[in-house]
Protein backbone atom coordinates (compact mmCIF):
# COMPACT_ATOMS: atom_id res chain seq x y z
CA MET A 1 103.58 70.74 86.50
CA PRO A 2 105.69 73.41 88.25
CA LEU A 3 104.99 74.16 91.88
CA PHE A 4 105.51 77.90 91.40
CA ASP A 5 104.93 80.09 88.37
CA ASN A 6 108.03 82.26 88.74
CA LYS A 7 107.97 83.67 85.24
CA ASN A 8 104.62 85.41 85.72
CA ARG A 9 105.54 86.55 89.23
CA ILE A 10 108.78 88.10 87.96
CA LEU A 11 106.89 89.95 85.21
CA GLN A 12 104.40 91.20 87.79
CA ILE A 13 107.19 92.47 90.06
CA GLU A 14 108.94 94.22 87.16
CA THR A 15 105.71 95.96 86.19
CA GLN A 16 105.10 97.10 89.76
CA LYS A 17 108.70 98.30 90.04
CA GLU A 18 108.31 100.49 86.96
CA GLU A 19 105.10 101.99 88.37
CA ILE A 20 106.80 102.73 91.70
CA PHE A 21 109.78 104.41 90.01
CA LYS A 22 107.39 106.64 88.03
CA LEU A 23 105.60 107.63 91.24
CA MET A 24 108.90 108.36 92.99
CA GLU A 25 109.68 111.02 90.39
CA ASN A 26 106.93 113.12 91.99
CA PRO A 27 108.49 115.20 94.81
CA LEU A 28 105.25 115.13 96.81
CA ILE A 29 105.67 111.37 97.10
CA SER A 30 109.44 110.99 97.20
CA GLN A 31 110.36 113.78 99.63
CA PRO A 32 108.50 112.39 102.68
CA PHE A 33 109.91 108.94 101.94
CA VAL A 34 113.49 110.25 101.73
CA GLU A 35 113.10 112.28 104.93
CA ASP A 36 111.63 109.34 106.82
CA PHE A 37 114.37 107.01 105.56
CA ALA A 38 117.09 109.48 106.57
CA LYS A 39 115.66 109.88 110.07
CA ARG A 40 115.24 106.16 110.67
CA PHE A 41 118.71 105.14 109.46
CA SER A 42 120.89 107.91 110.82
């Protein structure tokens, strides 16, 4: 019996990643993120 179920966790992360990338295509969501990132790391 495995201690961790990595296969299902990896599938879950990949699904969430795809959803996030779809949301980031929307400028109303991505623009504030990009501006905040630029200000924090410059």
